Amino acid sequence: MEGNAETALVTLEQTATSGLTLATDATDATDATDATEAFGGPAAYRRRMRFDDFHAGQRITGGPYRVSEGEVLAFARQYDPQWFHTAAAAAAHGPFEGLIASGWHTCAIAMRLAVDAVLWGSESYASPGISGIRWPHPVRPGDELAFVATVLEVRRSRSGLGVLRWRWQLFNQCGTEVLDLESTSLFRIQAPSAGFPAMA
């Protein structure tokens, strides 16, 4: 794993980011506004965590986040247009007995909740990847998802990177697990190197 972290440090390039606009109708646009409000907007970014705040066994929570039918449809139409994600009438007679969210949509929600709860304003700037993604149960429109992160390992690489290995889980309002994955995050805790932007 350390080799992967070092490779990420060498190969990572600064990239400009822009907002994502999904192909939606008027109803979906309203749902998108509700989604932004559910994440808490700028106020959610007031709390900052640093690499030194993490320790093995630590448990961090975030959410809840309510999943609307409009965003389930919008995400799936854009990125995962399988019928059980996009066609409510057909999905009602399918194996899940209703519309379900794309697993990649579920991952995206977890990513946002992780940023809101932990990563925004921290020294985190990259990740070499994730492992072992599981979707034990489907996410359905109307579900309220809670984020739970458990810190598995905290260490410093030979080059001075902070390496955080942690488990992310999402649970719905019934306490049913809908996502389980293991992620590694890199933290720049050394003096900024040439070619990398200074942290704000």
Protein backbone atom coordinates (compact mmCIF):
# COMPACT_ATOMS: atom_id res chain seq x y z
CA MET A 1 0.00 0.00 0.00
CA GLU A 2 2.84 2.39 0.77
CA GLY A 3 4.17 1.97 -2.76
CA ASN A 4 0.80 3.02 -4.10
CA ALA A 5 0.81 6.10 -1.89
CA GLU A 6 4.28 7.11 -3.08
CA THR A 7 3.24 6.60 -6.70
CA ALA A 8 0.18 8.76 -6.15
CA LEU A 9 2.37 11.54 -4.76
CA VAL A 10 4.63 11.47 -7.81
CA THR A 11 1.96 11.19 -10.47
CA LEU A 12 -0.85 13.35 -9.09
CA GLU A 13 -1.46 16.51 -11.09
CA GLN A 14 -3.50 19.49 -10.04
CA THR A 15 -6.77 19.56 -11.98
CA ALA A 16 -9.48 22.17 -12.20
CA THR A 17 -12.89 21.06 -11.00
CA SER A 18 -16.31 22.26 -12.04
CA GLY A 19 -19.87 21.67 -10.89
CA LEU A 20 -21.74 18.63 -12.18
CA THR A 21 -25.07 19.23 -13.86
CA LEU A 22 -27.23 16.19 -14.42
CA ALA A 23 -29.74 15.99 -17.25
CA THR A 24 -32.98 16.63 -15.38
CA ASP A 25 -36.49 17.87 -15.93
CA ALA A 26 -38.18 20.59 -13.86
CA THR A 27 -39.13 18.16 -11.10
CA ASP A 28 -35.59 16.87 -10.84
CA ALA A 29 -34.27 20.43 -10.61
CA THR A 30 -36.35 20.92 -7.48
CA ASP A 31 -35.01 17.68 -6.06
CA ALA A 32 -31.45 18.83 -6.79
CA THR A 33 -32.08 21.99 -4.77
CA ASP A 34 -33.39 19.90 -1.90
CA ALA A 35 -30.27 17.73 -2.13
CA THR A 36 -28.00 20.76 -1.78
CA GLU A 37 -29.92 21.92 1.29
CA ALA A 38 -29.76 18.43 2.78
CA PHE A 39 -25.96 18.52 2.62
CA GLY A 40 -26.00 21.69 4.70
CA GLY A 41 -24.35 24.09 2.26
CA PRO A 42 -21.31 26.14 3.34
CA ALA A 43 -22.19 25.84 7.02
CA ALA A 44 -21.29 22.16 6.83
CA TYR A 45 -17.67 23.10 6.16
CA ARG A 46 -17.00 25.01 9.38
CA ARG A 47 -15.43 22.06 11.20
CA ARG A 48 -11.98 20.98 10.07
CA MET A 49 -10.05 17.85 10.94
CA ARG A 50 -6.30 17.41 10.66
CA PHE A 51 -4.32 14.24 10.13
CA ASP A 52 -3.16 14.27 13.76
CA ASP A 53 -6.82 14.13 14.87
CA PHE A 54 -7.21 10.55 13.58
CA HIS A 55 -6.48 7.37 15.53
CA ALA A 56 -7.14 3.68 14.98
CA GLY A 57 -10.57 2.62 16.20
CA GLN A 58 -12.01 6.12 15.88
CA ARG A 59 -15.64 6.31 14.72
CA ILE A 60 -16.94 9.31 12.76
CA THR A 61 -20.55 9.86 11.74
CA GLY A 62 -22.34 12.09 9.24
CA GLY A 63 -25.71 12.67 7.66
CA PRO A 64 -28.53 11.88 7.48
CA TYR A 65 -29.12 12.44 3.79
CA ARG A 66 -32.53 11.87 2.21
CA VAL A 67 -32.49 10.29 -1.25
CA SER A 68 -35.17 11.61 -3.62
CA GLU A 69 -36.64 9.77 -6.58
CA GLY A 70 -35.68 12.68 -8.82
CA GLU A 71 -31.98 12.37 -8.08
CA VAL A 72 -32.07 8.57 -8.38
CA LEU A 73 -33.49 8.96 -11.88
CA ALA A 74 -31.20 11.85 -12.83
CA PHE A 75 -28.00 10.10 -11.78
CA ALA A 76 -28.96 6.82 -13.42
CA ARG A 77 -30.05 8.42 -16.70
CA GLN A 78 -26.70 10.16 -16.90
CA TYR A 79 -24.33 7.44 -15.67
CA ASP A 80 -25.99 4.05 -15.09
CA PRO A 81 -29.07 3.81 -17.34
CA GLN A 82 -30.19 0.32 -16.45
CA TRP A 83 -33.95 -0.14 -16.35
CA PHE A 84 -34.19 -0.91 -12.63
CA HIS A 85 -32.62 2.51 -11.95
CA THR A 86 -34.52 4.53 -14.57
CA ALA A 87 -37.96 2.99 -15.19
CA ALA A 88 -40.13 3.11 -12.08
CA ALA A 89 -43.08 1.23 -13.60
CA ALA A 90 -40.94 -1.63 -14.88
CA ALA A 91 -38.87 -1.71 -11.69
CA ALA A 92 -42.05 -2.21 -9.66
CA HIS A 93 -42.36 -5.65 -11.27
CA GLY A 94 -38.64 -6.41 -11.15
CA PRO A 95 -36.54 -8.37 -8.67
CA PHE A 96 -36.26 -5.41 -6.27
CA GLU A 97 -39.99 -4.63 -6.40
CA GLY A 98 -39.32 -0.96 -6.99
CA LEU A 99 -36.86 1.63 -8.22
CA ILE A 100 -33.38 1.45 -6.70
CA ALA A 101 -30.41 3.81 -6.84
CA SER A 102 -27.26 2.98 -8.75
CA GLY A 103 -24.53 1.67 -6.49
CA TRP A 104 -22.27 4.39 -7.90
CA HIS A 105 -24.81 6.97 -6.81
CA THR A 106 -24.63 5.48 -3.32
CA CYS A 107 -20.83 5.80 -3.41
CA ALA A 108 -21.13 9.42 -4.52
CA ILE A 109 -23.42 10.21 -1.57
CA ALA A 110 -20.92 8.58 0.79
CA MET A 111 -18.12 10.65 -0.73
CA ARG A 112 -20.02 13.87 -0.15
CA LEU A 113 -20.89 12.95 3.43
CA ALA A 114 -17.23 12.07 4.07
CA VAL A 115 -16.16 15.48 2.77
CA ASP A 116 -18.74 17.28 4.87
CA ALA A 117 -17.89 15.33 8.03
CA VAL A 118 -14.13 15.02 7.71
CA LEU A 119 -12.21 15.99 4.60
CA TRP A 120 -13.14 19.60 3.85
CA GLY A 121 -10.37 21.90 5.05
CA SER A 122 -8.10 19.03 6.09
CA GLU A 123 -4.69 18.26 4.59
CA SER A 124 -6.28 15.49 2.49
CA TYR A 125 -5.60 15.94 -1.21
CA ALA A 126 -5.60 12.52 -2.92
CA SER A 127 -6.40 8.83 -2.69
CA PRO A 128 -4.68 5.85 -4.31
CA GLY A 129 -8.01 4.03 -4.37
CA ILE A 130 -10.61 1.99 -2.56
CA SER A 131 -11.12 -1.73 -2.09
CA GLY A 132 -13.84 -4.20 -1.38
CA ILE A 133 -16.95 -2.23 -2.36
CA ARG A 134 -20.13 -3.95 -1.23
CA TRP A 135 -23.77 -2.96 -1.66
CA PRO A 136 -25.46 -5.37 0.80
CA HIS A 137 -28.93 -3.88 0.25
CA PRO A 138 -30.36 -1.46 -2.30
CA VAL A 139 -30.99 2.23 -1.73
CA ARG A 140 -34.53 3.33 -2.54
CA PRO A 141 -36.14 6.73 -3.06
CA GLY A 142 -37.10 8.18 0.31
CA ASP A 143 -34.31 6.46 2.21
CA GLU A 144 -32.39 8.53 4.77
CA LEU A 145 -28.75 7.54 4.82
CA ALA A 146 -26.34 7.86 7.73
CA PHE A 147 -22.57 7.79 7.21
CA VAL A 148 -20.28 5.87 9.57
CA ALA A 149 -16.50 5.85 9.14
CA THR A 150 -14.19 3.68 11.22
CA VAL A 151 -10.46 4.42 11.20
CA LEU A 152 -8.48 1.23 10.59
CA GLU A 153 -4.91 2.52 10.32
CA VAL A 154 -3.04 5.81 10.65
CA ARG A 155 0.61 6.03 9.63
CA ARG A 156 3.23 8.23 8.01
CA SER A 157 5.01 7.18 4.84
CA ARG A 158 8.77 7.45 4.36
CA SER A 159 8.25 10.55 2.24
CA GLY A 160 6.23 12.29 4.95
CA LEU A 161 2.72 11.61 3.69
CA GLY A 162 -0.04 10.91 6.16
CA VAL A 163 -1.83 7.69 5.17
CA LEU A 164 -5.32 7.05 6.53
CA ARG A 165 -7.01 3.71 5.91
CA TRP A 166 -10.64 3.74 6.92
CA ARG A 167 -13.91 1.89 6.44
CA TRP A 168 -16.97 3.71 5.13
CA GLN A 169 -20.49 2.43 5.71
CA LEU A 170 -23.92 3.82 4.91
CA PHE A 171 -27.05 2.75 6.76
CA ASN A 172 -30.65 3.56 5.95
CA GLN A 173 -33.31 4.76 8.39
CA CYS A 174 -33.99 1.17 9.47
CA GLY A 175 -30.36 0.56 10.36
CA THR A 176 -29.83 -1.63 7.30
CA GLU A 177 -26.37 -1.43 5.76
CA VAL A 178 -26.44 -0.29 2.12
CA LEU A 179 -22.74 0.41 1.46
CA ASP A 180 -19.47 -0.95 2.82
CA LEU A 181 -16.04 -0.08 1.44
CA GLU A 182 -12.45 0.49 2.52
CA SER A 183 -10.72 3.68 1.41
CA THR A 184 -7.21 5.07 1.69
CA SER A 185 -6.72 8.84 1.91
CA LEU A 186 -3.43 10.71 1.61
CA PHE A 187 -2.67 13.77 3.71
CA ARG A 188 0.06 16.27 2.95
CA ILE A 189 1.54 16.95 6.37
CA GLN A 190 4.99 17.95 5.15
CA ALA A 191 6.04 21.30 3.70
CA PRO A 192 4.46 21.78 0.25
CA SER A 193 6.60 20.36 -2.54
CA ALA A 194 7.35 22.15 -5.79
CA GLY A 195 4.52 21.67 -8.22
CA PHE A 196 1.83 21.30 -5.59
CA PRO A 197 -0.40 24.20 -4.53
CA ALA A 198 -0.14 25.39 -0.94
CA MET A 199 -3.06 24.56 1.32
CA ALA A 200 -5.44 27.39 2.07
